Protein backbone atom coordinates (compact mmCIF):
# COMPACT_ATOMS: atom_id res chain seq x y z
CA MET A 1 97.61 93.59 91.82
CA TYR A 2 97.85 90.49 94.02
CA LEU A 3 99.55 90.62 97.40
CA GLU A 4 102.40 88.29 96.41
CA GLU A 5 103.33 90.53 93.47
CA GLY A 6 103.23 93.59 95.71
CA TYR A 7 105.41 91.83 98.25
CA LEU A 8 108.11 91.15 95.64
CA LYS A 9 108.02 94.76 94.47
CA ILE A 10 108.30 96.09 98.03
CA GLN A 11 111.24 93.77 98.68
CA GLU A 12 113.12 95.60 95.92
CA LEU A 13 112.61 98.86 97.83
CA SER A 14 113.93 97.57 101.16
CA GLY A 15 116.78 99.63 102.56
CA LYS A 16 115.98 102.71 100.48
CA LYS A 17 114.86 106.10 101.72
CA ILE A 18 111.25 106.89 100.89
CA SER A 19 112.37 110.32 99.66
CA ASN A 20 114.52 108.56 97.01
CA ILE A 21 111.72 106.44 95.56
CA ASP A 22 108.90 108.95 95.29
CA LEU A 23 109.49 112.62 94.67
CA ILE A 24 105.96 113.42 93.47
CA ASN A 25 103.35 112.00 95.81
CA LYS A 26 102.97 114.07 99.00
CA GLY A 27 100.85 111.59 100.95
CA SER A 28 101.76 109.36 103.87
CA ASP A 29 104.61 106.84 103.78
CA GLY A 30 102.09 104.11 103.00
CA GLN A 31 100.65 106.09 100.09
CA LYS A 32 104.14 106.72 98.72
CA ILE A 33 104.95 103.01 98.85
CA MET A 34 101.69 102.22 97.05
CA SER A 35 102.52 104.74 94.32
CA ALA A 36 106.05 103.38 93.99
CA ILE A 37 104.81 99.83 93.32
CA GLY A 38 102.06 100.93 90.95
CA LEU A 39 98.95 100.96 93.17
CA LYS A 40 96.40 103.76 93.12
CA ASN A 41 95.57 105.59 96.33
CA ASP A 42 91.81 105.32 96.45
CA SER A 43 89.04 104.24 98.81
CA ARG A 44 88.80 100.55 97.91
CA PRO A 45 88.50 98.24 100.95
CA LEU A 46 91.79 96.39 100.30
CA ASP A 47 95.02 97.62 98.74
CA PHE A 48 95.52 94.35 96.84
CA PHE A 49 92.97 91.98 95.32
CA ASP A 50 93.66 89.53 98.15
CA GLY A 51 95.03 91.56 101.05
CA ASP A 52 96.18 94.84 102.51
CA LEU A 53 99.38 96.83 103.02
CA LYS A 54 100.10 98.04 106.55
CA THR A 55 103.11 100.33 107.19
CA ASN A 56 104.25 100.98 110.73
CA LYS A 57 106.71 103.35 112.36
CA HIS A 58 109.80 101.64 113.78
CA ILE A 59 112.52 103.25 115.90
CA ASN A 60 115.77 101.40 116.55
CA GLY A 61 114.35 98.28 114.92
CA LYS A 62 111.19 98.04 117.05
CA PRO A 63 107.53 99.01 116.53
CA ALA A 64 107.10 102.50 117.95
CA GLU A 65 103.31 102.67 117.96
CA THR A 66 100.09 100.73 117.58
CA LEU A 67 98.95 100.00 114.01
CA TRP A 68 95.63 101.30 112.68
CA ILE A 69 93.36 98.74 111.01
CA SER A 70 89.99 100.38 110.32
CA GLN A 71 87.38 102.84 111.58
CA LEU A 72 84.30 101.26 113.19
CA GLN A 73 81.49 103.83 113.09
CA LYS A 74 79.80 102.44 109.97
CA ASN A 75 79.65 98.98 111.51
CA LEU A 76 77.88 99.78 114.80
CA PRO A 77 74.63 98.06 113.67
CA GLU A 78 76.61 94.83 113.04
CA PHE A 79 77.93 94.90 116.61
CA GLN A 80 74.42 95.46 117.89
CA LYS A 81 73.45 92.13 116.30
CA GLY A 82 76.47 90.29 117.72
CA LEU A 83 79.34 90.46 115.24
CA VAL A 84 81.97 87.69 115.37
CA PHE A 85 85.50 87.81 114.02
CA LYS A 86 85.19 85.53 110.99
CA ASN A 87 82.11 87.44 109.75
CA SER A 88 83.65 90.88 110.21
CA TRP A 89 85.17 93.39 107.84
CA ILE A 90 88.18 93.45 110.19
CA TYR A 91 88.85 89.79 109.44
CA SER A 92 88.61 90.53 105.71
CA LYS A 93 91.22 93.29 106.11
CA ILE A 94 93.72 91.35 108.22
CA LYS A 95 93.39 87.70 107.21
CA GLN A 96 96.30 88.39 104.84
CA PHE A 97 98.40 91.55 104.71
CA ILE A 98 101.91 92.87 104.14
CA TYR A 99 103.49 94.34 107.27
CA LEU A 100 106.10 96.93 106.32
CA PRO A 101 108.24 98.67 108.95
CA ILE A 102 109.40 102.19 108.15
CA ASP A 103 112.48 103.04 110.25
CA LYS A 104 112.11 106.64 111.31
CA THR A 105 115.27 106.63 113.41
CA ASN A 106 116.87 108.16 110.34
CA ASP A 107 115.21 109.40 107.21
CA HIS A 108 112.30 106.99 106.74
CA ILE A 109 114.17 103.89 105.62
CA ILE A 110 111.97 101.15 104.12
CA GLY A 111 112.33 97.92 106.08
CA ASN A 112 111.86 94.29 105.09
CA PRO A 113 108.24 93.43 104.27
CA LYS A 114 106.60 90.45 105.91
CA ILE A 115 103.48 88.60 104.81
CA VAL A 116 101.19 88.04 107.79
CA SER A 117 98.27 85.66 107.39
CA GLU A 118 96.11 83.20 109.23
CA ASN A 119 97.85 80.36 107.38
CA LEU A 120 101.31 81.51 108.50
CA PHE A 121 100.37 82.46 112.08
CA PRO A 122 97.41 80.27 113.04
CA GLU A 123 97.95 80.52 116.81
CA LEU A 124 98.20 84.29 116.72
CA TYR A 125 94.99 84.49 114.73
CA LYS A 126 93.18 82.40 117.32
CA LYS A 127 94.17 85.02 119.87
CA LEU A 128 93.09 87.82 117.53
CA GLU A 129 89.71 86.09 117.26
CA VAL A 130 89.37 85.97 121.05
CA ASP A 131 90.28 89.66 121.29
CA PHE A 132 87.86 90.72 118.56
CA ASN A 133 84.95 88.74 119.97
CA PHE A 134 85.59 90.17 123.44
CA ILE A 135 85.65 93.75 122.08
CA SER A 136 82.59 93.07 119.95
CA LEU A 137 80.58 91.93 122.98
CA GLU A 138 81.67 95.00 124.93
CA ILE A 139 80.51 97.27 122.08
CA LYS A 140 77.19 95.40 121.89
CA ASN A 141 76.65 95.83 125.63
CA CYS A 142 77.40 99.57 125.40
CA ILE A 143 74.83 99.90 122.62
CA LEU A 144 72.14 97.90 124.41
CA ASN A 145 72.72 99.63 127.76
CA LYS A 146 73.18 103.09 126.19
CA GLU A 147 76.61 103.50 127.75
CA ILE A 148 79.45 105.63 126.39
CA LEU A 149 82.02 103.65 124.45
CA HIS A 150 85.61 103.79 125.69
CA THR A 151 89.04 102.35 124.90
CA ILE A 152 88.79 98.54 125.01
CA ASN A 153 91.67 96.07 124.89
CA GLY A 154 91.22 92.41 124.05
CA PRO A 155 92.28 89.92 126.80
CA ASN A 156 95.36 88.91 124.76
CA LYS A 157 96.28 92.57 124.21
CA TYR A 158 96.57 92.05 120.45
CA LEU A 159 93.56 94.17 119.41
CA GLN A 160 92.24 97.45 120.74
CA ILE A 161 89.61 100.03 119.92
CA ARG A 162 90.33 103.65 120.73
CA THR A 163 89.71 107.15 119.48
CA LYS A 164 90.85 108.06 115.98
CA ALA A 165 89.27 111.29 114.84
CA GLY A 166 89.92 114.59 113.16
CA LYS A 167 87.87 117.74 113.49
CA ASN A 168 85.37 118.63 110.77
CA LYS A 169 85.21 121.92 108.84
CA TYR A 170 83.44 123.51 111.81
CA GLY A 171 86.36 122.70 114.12
CA GLN A 172 84.39 120.00 115.96
CA TYR A 173 84.56 116.24 116.22
CA THR A 174 81.82 114.21 114.54
CA PRO A 175 80.14 111.97 117.13
CA MET A 176 79.31 108.29 116.65
CA LYS A 177 75.59 107.61 116.96
CA ILE A 178 73.36 104.58 116.77
CA ASP A 179 69.55 104.67 117.01
CA GLY A 180 69.79 108.33 117.95
CA PHE A 181 72.12 107.66 120.90
CA GLU A 182 75.56 109.31 120.95
CA ILE A 183 77.73 106.37 121.92
CA LYS A 184 80.96 108.39 121.60
CA ASP A 185 81.67 112.07 121.02
CA LYS A 186 84.22 111.23 118.30
CA TYR A 187 85.12 108.40 115.93
CA MET A 188 86.95 105.27 117.06
CA ALA A 189 88.99 102.61 115.27
CA PHE A 190 90.47 99.15 115.60
CA TYR A 191 94.23 98.89 116.12
CA PHE A 192 96.82 96.15 116.42
CA LYS A 193 98.59 96.65 119.72
CA LYS A 194 102.38 96.59 119.88
CA GLU A 195 102.23 93.19 121.61
CA PHE A 196 100.94 91.66 118.36
CA LEU A 197 103.54 93.51 116.27
CA TYR A 198 106.33 92.18 118.51
CA GLU A 199 105.06 88.64 117.86
CA ILE A 200 105.10 88.93 114.07
CA ASN A 201 108.53 90.53 114.17
């Protein structure tokens, strides 16, 4: 399914309670939306042929939290070589996506979807590029200097990396390693910060 088709289908769901559109799937709100519009919940890189779906918790009409984009542990070798925004998997995931607020003030009401893309928001994407490249250089320096990775915010405060990890079956976190060095004791991920979400809203 192409993003534009998904957008039109999600528009038809706006204003409805998630519990009223999907009584079978027990996954997250995003997974329920995907099922409702006919998408499979699997491990493909993008939800649509040409973009992604990103749902975000809203309270009283405003973003209530940062928005997860992608884990980064598999891509540490790319950062070591000097990864830039336009060559990254992050750019592939966010160059065009549907942003869908879910109002959790009462009963998980589906909000109005918005298509976010580089074509529609060129100035914001320039700032995203600055943020990504700054974070990428910080990760590279941590790898080269064998320093522990930490939360990093881009200078525009649109992108961030921070911890996103669950414990394994042994009740422990899986560390991130590169070339035998434990760069972080648990997995980390890229997020949109709320400052970016305010801009697209």
